[in-house]
Amino acid sequence: MAGNTFGQLFSLRTFGESHGLAIGGIIDGCPAGLEIDVDFIQQELDRRKPGQSKLVSQRKERDCAEFLSGIFEGRTTGTPIGFIIKNENAKSGDYAHLKDVYRPSHADYTYDKKYEVRDYKGGGRSSARETACRVVAGAIAKLLLKKFKIHISAYVSQVGDIKTSLSYQQLDFSSIESTAVRCPDLAIAKKMIAKIEQVRKAGDTVGGIISCVVTNVPAGLGEPVFDKLHADLGKAMLSINAVKGFEYGSGFDSASHTGSAENDAFVFNKKENKIRTLTNNSGGIQGGISNGETIYFNTAFKPVATLMQQQQSVSTKNKAVIVKGKGRHDACVVPRAVPIVEAMAALVLADHLLRTKTSTLKNLLK
């Protein structure tokens, strides 16, 4: 099964299934000497784990990462970092009725056609539970980025048709974790929560948008032509379960602009002694390379495919069937996906930092 590794110099390979004994990963390329904050890693996992509020799946998992290699006396050794996260609360019986059924808009049919075998318990490898491994690796990448004072903040900007009208510059990111929906526009957050509760009671689901802001990124990150920084960010986001779209900077709105309105004029900032742009429609990336301005992007998530309603489908024998979800599922995956978006952004930036700043990294980690 190909396609399980992300990144070149700072890479993550994940393994495991939703209802197997454990999931896990191998992080390779992390520089030696990086201090590992285990409590911080657990905090990141706690932001993603199920059961954290009434809005999300009530599957109870501690999601504790057990590190097997690559760390000695609290610091990385430069060798591969192996870890596992045990599955402690899988209820495989909830999926017995799906053994011979293809669920609408899931990976059941496509996995069966590609591999001619399918783990129907929780979706197996296609389950979003795999993203816990990304959060572990992303947390370590964040610790590396912290050495460069690079900071990543993601938040929910839209749930269904309810969205904040405030730009990221107008929001207080310290309020992101103050609500279950992770929207720092607190008045809108209440409406989002009400929307999720409404669709959950109806046995339905709803999608949304996560916005992400990355500050203090140095100019010069990105590897054109095929490894442009925004291209790698797009691949990272589109690899997350349920993601349908990605845009950075002015995104799709730029298609309706004129060049004179869209271009970011350059100025020399004497106080900072560096070149800046008057506007940032480019989203901090030009020609596939970071320009030193704030990077910002949006990631769109579709509604979760498992509904507590009857849906039309077919069986593996091509017979018409009616499918209805059962067990523990999210009515809206977006709040739990915030740390996943941050983690994938961190993996991209850490990888590109290693490609560009190897000598600087050695000095910083001394």
Protein backbone atom coordinates (compact mmCIF):
# COMPACT_ATOMS: atom_id res chain seq x y z
CA MET A 1 0.00 0.00 0.00
CA ALA A 2 1.79 3.11 -1.22
CA GLY A 3 1.05 6.67 -0.20
CA ASN A 4 1.66 6.40 3.54
CA THR A 5 4.64 8.78 3.76
CA PHE A 6 4.51 12.59 3.78
CA GLY A 7 7.49 14.92 3.44
CA GLN A 8 11.02 14.61 2.09
CA LEU A 9 13.64 15.64 4.66
CA PHE A 10 11.26 15.86 7.62
CA SER A 11 8.94 12.94 6.90
CA LEU A 12 6.13 10.99 8.55
CA ARG A 13 5.07 7.45 7.71
CA THR A 14 1.91 6.29 9.47
CA PHE A 15 0.41 2.83 10.00
CA GLY A 16 -2.54 1.15 11.67
CA GLU A 17 -6.31 0.89 11.42
CA SER A 18 -9.16 2.46 13.36
CA HIS A 19 -10.13 -0.78 15.12
CA GLY A 20 -6.75 -2.51 15.20
CA LEU A 21 -4.53 -2.81 18.26
CA ALA A 22 -2.86 0.54 17.66
CA ILE A 23 -2.03 3.25 15.18
CA GLY A 24 1.41 4.78 14.93
CA GLY A 25 4.11 6.42 12.91
CA ILE A 26 7.78 6.90 12.17
CA ILE A 27 9.14 10.45 11.99
CA ASP A 28 12.39 10.62 10.08
CA GLY A 29 14.76 13.52 9.49
CA CYS A 30 14.14 15.40 12.73
CA PRO A 31 17.43 17.06 13.72
CA ALA A 32 19.26 15.79 16.78
CA GLY A 33 19.14 17.83 19.96
CA LEU A 34 15.54 19.05 19.79
CA GLU A 35 13.99 19.09 23.26
CA ILE A 36 10.76 17.10 23.29
CA ASP A 37 7.91 18.48 25.40
CA VAL A 38 5.76 15.40 26.02
CA ASP A 39 3.09 17.44 27.79
CA PHE A 40 2.74 19.70 24.75
CA ILE A 41 2.35 16.69 22.46
CA GLN A 42 -0.40 15.35 24.71
CA GLN A 43 -2.16 18.73 24.71
CA GLU A 44 -2.21 18.66 20.92
CA LEU A 45 -3.63 15.11 20.94
CA ASP A 46 -6.27 16.15 23.47
CA ARG A 47 -7.45 18.87 21.07
CA ARG A 48 -8.08 16.23 18.38
CA LYS A 49 -9.33 13.26 20.40
CA PRO A 50 -12.98 12.14 20.42
CA GLY A 51 -15.25 12.63 23.42
CA GLN A 52 -13.94 16.11 24.29
CA SER A 53 -17.39 17.76 24.04
CA LYS A 54 -21.01 16.91 23.31
CA LEU A 55 -20.53 18.18 19.74
CA VAL A 56 -18.21 15.36 18.68
CA SER A 57 -17.96 11.56 18.59
CA GLN A 58 -18.28 10.07 22.07
CA ARG A 59 -15.71 7.35 21.45
CA LYS A 60 -13.49 7.46 24.55
CA GLU A 61 -9.80 7.29 23.72
CA ARG A 62 -6.96 8.61 25.89
CA ASP A 63 -4.81 9.00 22.78
CA CYS A 64 -1.48 8.75 24.59
CA ALA A 65 1.57 8.51 22.35
CA GLU A 66 4.16 5.95 23.41
CA PHE A 67 7.58 6.74 21.97
CA LEU A 68 9.67 3.73 21.02
CA SER A 69 12.82 5.28 19.56
CA GLY A 70 14.62 8.43 18.52
CA ILE A 71 14.47 10.22 21.88
CA PHE A 72 17.09 9.99 24.63
CA GLU A 73 16.91 11.89 27.91
CA GLY A 74 14.25 14.20 26.53
CA ARG A 75 16.00 15.15 23.28
CA THR A 76 15.93 13.81 19.76
CA THR A 77 18.89 11.71 18.70
CA GLY A 78 18.58 12.33 14.96
CA THR A 79 17.42 8.76 14.36
CA PRO A 80 13.86 7.78 13.38
CA ILE A 81 11.27 8.59 16.05
CA GLY A 82 8.87 5.66 16.36
CA PHE A 83 5.61 5.88 18.29
CA ILE A 84 2.28 4.13 18.76
CA ILE A 85 -1.15 5.18 20.04
CA LYS A 86 -3.18 2.26 21.36
CA ASN A 87 -6.84 1.86 20.41
CA GLU A 88 -8.63 1.39 23.72
CA ASN A 89 -12.34 1.93 23.01
CA ALA A 90 -13.07 0.39 19.61
CA LYS A 91 -16.56 -1.07 19.30
CA SER A 92 -16.26 -3.16 16.16
CA GLY A 93 -19.73 -4.60 16.62
CA ASP A 94 -21.21 -1.27 15.58
CA TYR A 95 -19.99 -2.02 12.06
CA ALA A 96 -21.07 -5.65 11.68
CA HIS A 97 -24.11 -4.64 9.61
CA LEU A 98 -21.79 -2.96 7.09
CA LYS A 99 -19.67 -6.03 6.27
CA ASP A 100 -21.24 -6.48 2.84
CA VAL A 101 -22.51 -2.93 2.29
CA TYR A 102 -20.98 0.14 0.63
CA ARG A 103 -21.72 3.27 2.64
CA PRO A 104 -22.59 6.36 0.55
CA SER A 105 -19.67 8.81 0.10
CA HIS A 106 -17.27 6.64 2.15
CA ALA A 107 -14.12 4.88 0.96
CA ASP A 108 -15.76 1.43 1.18
CA TYR A 109 -16.35 0.93 -2.55
CA THR A 110 -13.10 2.50 -3.76
CA TYR A 111 -10.93 0.59 -1.26
CA ASP A 112 -12.66 -2.65 -2.26
CA LYS A 113 -12.03 -2.01 -5.95
CA LYS A 114 -8.39 -0.99 -5.44
CA TYR A 115 -7.26 -3.62 -2.92
CA GLU A 116 -9.95 -6.32 -3.32
CA VAL A 117 -10.13 -6.51 0.46
CA ARG A 118 -11.76 -4.09 2.90
CA ASP A 119 -11.59 -3.57 6.64
CA TYR A 120 -15.20 -2.61 7.31
CA LYS A 121 -14.64 -2.01 11.05
CA GLY A 122 -14.60 1.76 11.41
CA GLY A 123 -13.32 2.19 7.88
CA GLY A 124 -9.97 0.60 8.72
CA ARG A 125 -7.11 2.54 7.18
CA SER A 126 -9.46 5.15 5.65
CA SER A 127 -10.68 6.22 9.09
CA ALA A 128 -9.90 9.72 10.32
CA ARG A 129 -8.41 8.08 13.40
CA GLU A 130 -5.16 7.92 11.41
CA THR A 131 -4.89 11.70 11.80
CA ALA A 132 -3.89 11.30 15.46
CA CYS A 133 -0.49 10.19 14.13
CA ARG A 134 -0.23 13.40 12.14
CA VAL A 135 -0.92 15.44 15.26
CA VAL A 136 1.97 13.73 17.10
CA ALA A 137 4.38 14.46 14.25
CA GLY A 138 2.95 17.94 13.81
CA ALA A 139 3.54 18.70 17.49
CA ILE A 140 7.23 17.77 17.12
CA ALA A 141 7.40 19.88 13.97
CA LYS A 142 5.89 22.78 15.95
CA LEU A 143 8.62 22.41 18.57
CA LEU A 144 11.16 22.74 15.76
CA LEU A 145 9.38 25.75 14.23
CA LYS A 146 9.29 27.40 17.65
CA LYS A 147 13.08 27.69 17.44
CA PHE A 148 12.48 30.05 14.51
CA LYS A 149 9.61 31.80 16.31
CA ILE A 150 7.21 30.53 13.64
CA HIS A 151 3.68 30.21 15.03
CA ILE A 152 0.66 28.44 13.53
CA SER A 153 -2.95 29.18 14.56
CA ALA A 154 -6.01 27.57 12.98
CA TYR A 155 -9.65 28.23 13.82
CA VAL A 156 -13.15 27.45 12.57
CA SER A 157 -14.36 30.31 10.38
CA GLN A 158 -17.51 28.65 9.02
CA VAL A 159 -19.98 25.90 9.91
CA GLY A 160 -22.65 25.25 7.30
CA ASP A 161 -23.96 28.66 6.23
CA ILE A 162 -22.82 30.37 9.43
CA LYS A 163 -19.48 32.17 9.14
CA THR A 164 -17.54 34.96 10.75
CA SER A 165 -17.25 38.19 8.80
CA LEU A 166 -14.08 39.15 10.66
CA SER A 167 -10.65 38.79 9.07
CA TYR A 168 -7.88 37.01 10.91
CA GLN A 169 -6.34 40.39 11.80
CA GLN A 170 -9.52 41.31 13.70
CA LEU A 171 -9.72 38.12 15.78
CA ASP A 172 -8.27 37.31 19.19
CA PHE A 173 -6.63 33.92 18.74
CA SER A 174 -6.43 33.46 22.52
CA SER A 175 -10.21 32.83 22.37
CA ILE A 176 -9.97 29.89 19.94
CA GLU A 177 -10.00 27.24 22.67
CA SER A 178 -12.66 28.99 24.76
CA THR A 179 -15.55 27.35 22.89
CA ALA A 180 -16.19 23.77 21.79
CA VAL A 181 -16.40 24.85 18.15
CA ARG A 182 -12.99 26.63 18.18
CA CYS A 183 -14.19 29.87 16.62
CA PRO A 184 -12.65 33.02 18.16
CA ASP A 185 -15.64 35.14 17.03
CA LEU A 186 -17.58 34.24 20.17
CA ALA A 187 -20.98 35.56 19.03
CA ILE A 188 -20.75 33.52 15.83
CA ALA A 189 -19.40 30.51 17.76
CA LYS A 190 -22.70 30.27 19.68
CA LYS A 191 -24.61 30.16 16.39
CA MET A 192 -22.25 27.51 15.04
CA ILE A 193 -22.77 25.34 18.12
CA ALA A 194 -26.53 25.68 17.78
CA LYS A 195 -26.26 24.66 14.10
CA ILE A 196 -24.26 21.54 14.92
CA GLU A 197 -26.69 20.53 17.67
CA GLN A 198 -29.60 21.07 15.28
CA VAL A 199 -28.22 18.80 12.56
CA ARG A 200 -27.10 16.19 15.11
CA LYS A 201 -30.62 15.90 16.53
CA ALA A 202 -31.91 15.44 12.98
CA GLY A 203 -29.44 12.58 12.44
CA ASP A 204 -27.65 14.69 9.84
CA THR A 205 -24.20 16.27 9.48
CA VAL A 206 -22.73 19.60 8.40
CA GLY A 207 -19.41 20.78 6.98
CA GLY A 208 -17.39 23.95 7.37
CA ILE A 209 -14.15 25.85 6.84
CA ILE A 210 -10.97 26.06 8.90
CA SER A 211 -8.77 29.12 8.45
CA CYS A 212 -5.07 28.90 9.27
CA VAL A 213 -2.57 31.70 9.90
CA VAL A 214 1.22 31.24 10.02
CA THR A 215 3.32 34.13 11.31
CA ASN A 216 7.04 34.96 11.24
CA VAL A 217 7.83 32.70 8.29
CA PRO A 218 11.18 33.76 6.77
CA ALA A 219 11.38 34.62 3.10
CA GLY A 220 12.83 31.92 0.88
CA LEU A 221 10.97 28.71 1.79
CA GLY A 222 9.67 26.67 -1.14
CA GLU A 223 11.13 24.55 -3.93
CA PRO A 224 9.79 25.46 -7.39
CA VAL A 225 8.68 24.22 -9.73
CA PHE A 226 6.85 21.16 -8.44
CA ASP A 227 7.40 21.62 -4.70
CA LYS A 228 6.08 25.15 -4.41
CA LEU A 229 5.27 26.01 -0.81
CA HIS A 230 1.58 26.55 -1.51
CA ALA A 231 1.44 23.35 -3.58
CA ASP A 232 2.78 21.34 -0.65
CA LEU A 233 0.38 23.06 1.74
CA GLY A 234 -2.47 22.24 -0.64
CA LYS A 235 -1.44 18.57 -0.82
CA ALA A 236 -1.15 18.45 2.96
CA MET A 237 -4.63 19.83 3.51
CA LEU A 238 -6.27 17.79 0.75
CA SER A 239 -4.80 14.62 2.28
CA ILE A 240 -6.95 15.14 5.39
CA ASN A 241 -10.17 13.13 5.55
CA ALA A 242 -13.29 14.98 4.34
CA VAL A 243 -11.37 17.94 2.86
CA LYS A 244 -12.89 19.26 -0.36
CA GLY A 245 -11.02 22.46 -1.05
CA PHE A 246 -7.97 24.62 -0.37
CA GLU A 247 -7.23 28.27 -1.09
CA TYR A 248 -4.47 30.59 0.07
CA GLY A 249 -4.24 34.36 0.10
CA SER A 250 -7.11 35.95 -1.78
CA GLY A 251 -7.86 32.51 -3.23
CA PHE A 252 -10.86 32.10 -5.50
CA ASP A 253 -11.88 35.73 -4.98
CA SER A 254 -8.80 36.76 -6.96
CA ALA A 255 -10.46 35.43 -10.12
CA SER A 256 -12.85 38.39 -10.01
CA HIS A 257 -10.17 41.01 -9.33
CA THR A 258 -8.14 43.13 -11.71
CA GLY A 259 -4.36 42.99 -11.58
CA SER A 260 -4.19 46.53 -10.25
CA ALA A 261 -6.40 45.53 -7.30
CA GLU A 262 -4.70 42.16 -6.70
CA ASN A 263 -0.98 43.02 -6.88
CA ASP A 264 0.96 43.45 -3.63
CA ALA A 265 3.16 46.54 -3.95
CA PHE A 266 6.67 46.35 -2.43
CA VAL A 267 8.04 48.93 0.01
CA PHE A 268 11.24 49.13 2.03
CA ASN A 269 10.53 49.28 5.75
CA LYS A 270 13.37 51.30 7.29
CA LYS A 271 12.39 50.42 10.86
CA GLU A 272 12.53 46.70 10.14
CA ASN A 273 15.33 47.12 7.59
CA LYS A 274 13.65 44.79 5.11
CA ILE A 275 11.31 44.74 2.12
CA ARG A 276 7.61 44.32 2.88
CA THR A 277 4.37 44.40 0.88
CA LEU A 278 1.63 46.99 1.39
CA THR A 279 -1.08 44.33 1.01
CA ASN A 280 -0.98 40.54 1.29
CA ASN A 281 -3.29 39.13 -1.36
CA SER A 282 -0.48 36.67 -2.13
CA GLY A 283 -0.97 35.04 1.27
CA GLY A 284 2.73 35.24 2.07
CA ILE A 285 3.78 33.15 -0.95
CA GLN A 286 4.91 34.38 -4.36
CA GLY A 287 6.30 32.17 -7.12
CA GLY A 288 5.91 29.22 -4.78
CA ILE A 289 8.31 30.76 -2.24
CA SER A 290 7.53 32.47 1.06
CA ASN A 291 8.05 36.25 0.91
CA GLY A 292 8.23 36.93 4.66
CA GLU A 293 4.62 38.05 5.06
CA THR A 294 1.95 36.17 7.02
CA ILE A 295 0.81 32.96 5.34
CA TYR A 296 -2.93 32.38 5.51
CA PHE A 297 -5.21 29.83 3.89
CA ASN A 298 -8.64 28.18 4.12
CA THR A 299 -9.47 24.48 4.10
CA ALA A 300 -13.03 23.36 3.33
CA PHE A 301 -14.51 20.21 4.88
CA LYS A 302 -17.55 18.38 3.57
CA PRO A 303 -20.30 17.10 5.91
CA VAL A 304 -19.39 13.79 7.58
CA ALA A 305 -20.65 10.94 5.38
CA THR A 306 -22.10 8.80 8.20
CA LEU A 307 -25.70 9.82 8.83
CA MET A 308 -28.14 8.60 11.46
CA GLN A 309 -30.71 8.52 8.66
CA GLN A 310 -31.67 5.94 6.08
CA GLN A 311 -29.76 6.19 2.80
CA GLN A 312 -29.91 4.23 -0.43
CA SER A 313 -26.92 2.08 -1.36
CA VAL A 314 -25.90 -1.32 -2.75
CA SER A 315 -24.28 -4.43 -1.30
CA THR A 316 -21.10 -6.16 -2.44
CA LYS A 317 -23.47 -8.50 -4.35
CA ASN A 318 -24.92 -5.53 -6.27
CA LYS A 319 -28.23 -5.69 -4.40
CA ALA A 320 -30.11 -2.55 -3.41
CA VAL A 321 -29.96 -1.90 0.36
CA ILE A 322 -30.86 0.76 2.87
CA VAL A 323 -28.03 1.98 5.11
CA LYS A 324 -28.32 3.81 8.42
CA GLY A 325 -25.38 4.76 10.62
CA LYS A 326 -25.08 3.56 14.19
CA GLY A 327 -22.53 4.01 16.94
CA ARG A 328 -20.42 7.10 17.69
CA HIS A 329 -19.84 9.68 14.97
CA ASP A 330 -19.25 13.42 14.55
CA ALA A 331 -22.11 15.60 13.36
CA CYS A 332 -19.43 18.10 12.32
CA VAL A 333 -15.77 17.14 12.09
CA VAL A 334 -14.49 20.70 11.75
CA PRO A 335 -13.81 21.56 15.44
CA ARG A 336 -11.68 18.43 15.92
CA ALA A 337 -9.86 19.04 12.63
CA VAL A 338 -8.32 22.35 13.77
CA PRO A 339 -5.21 20.70 15.31
CA ILE A 340 -4.93 18.42 12.27
CA VAL A 341 -4.75 21.41 9.92
CA GLU A 342 -2.12 22.98 12.16
CA ALA A 343 -0.16 19.72 12.28
CA MET A 344 -0.05 19.31 8.51
CA ALA A 345 0.99 22.94 8.04
CA ALA A 346 3.77 22.38 10.60
CA LEU A 347 5.01 19.28 8.75
CA VAL A 348 5.22 21.22 5.47
CA LEU A 349 7.07 24.14 7.02
CA ALA A 350 9.47 21.94 8.99
CA ASP A 351 10.29 20.01 5.82
CA HIS A 352 10.99 23.19 3.86
CA LEU A 353 13.03 24.65 6.72
CA LEU A 354 15.27 21.59 6.63
CA ARG A 355 15.73 22.02 2.90
CA THR A 356 16.76 25.66 3.33
CA LYS A 357 18.15 26.22 6.81
CA THR A 358 20.22 23.16 7.74
CA SER A 359 23.27 25.07 9.05
CA THR A 360 21.08 27.48 11.03
CA LEU A 361 19.20 24.60 12.60
CA LYS A 362 22.38 23.09 14.01
CA ASN A 363 23.22 26.38 15.74
CA LEU A 364 19.71 26.85 17.13
CA LEU A 365 19.53 23.38 18.63
CA LYS A 366 22.86 23.61 20.49
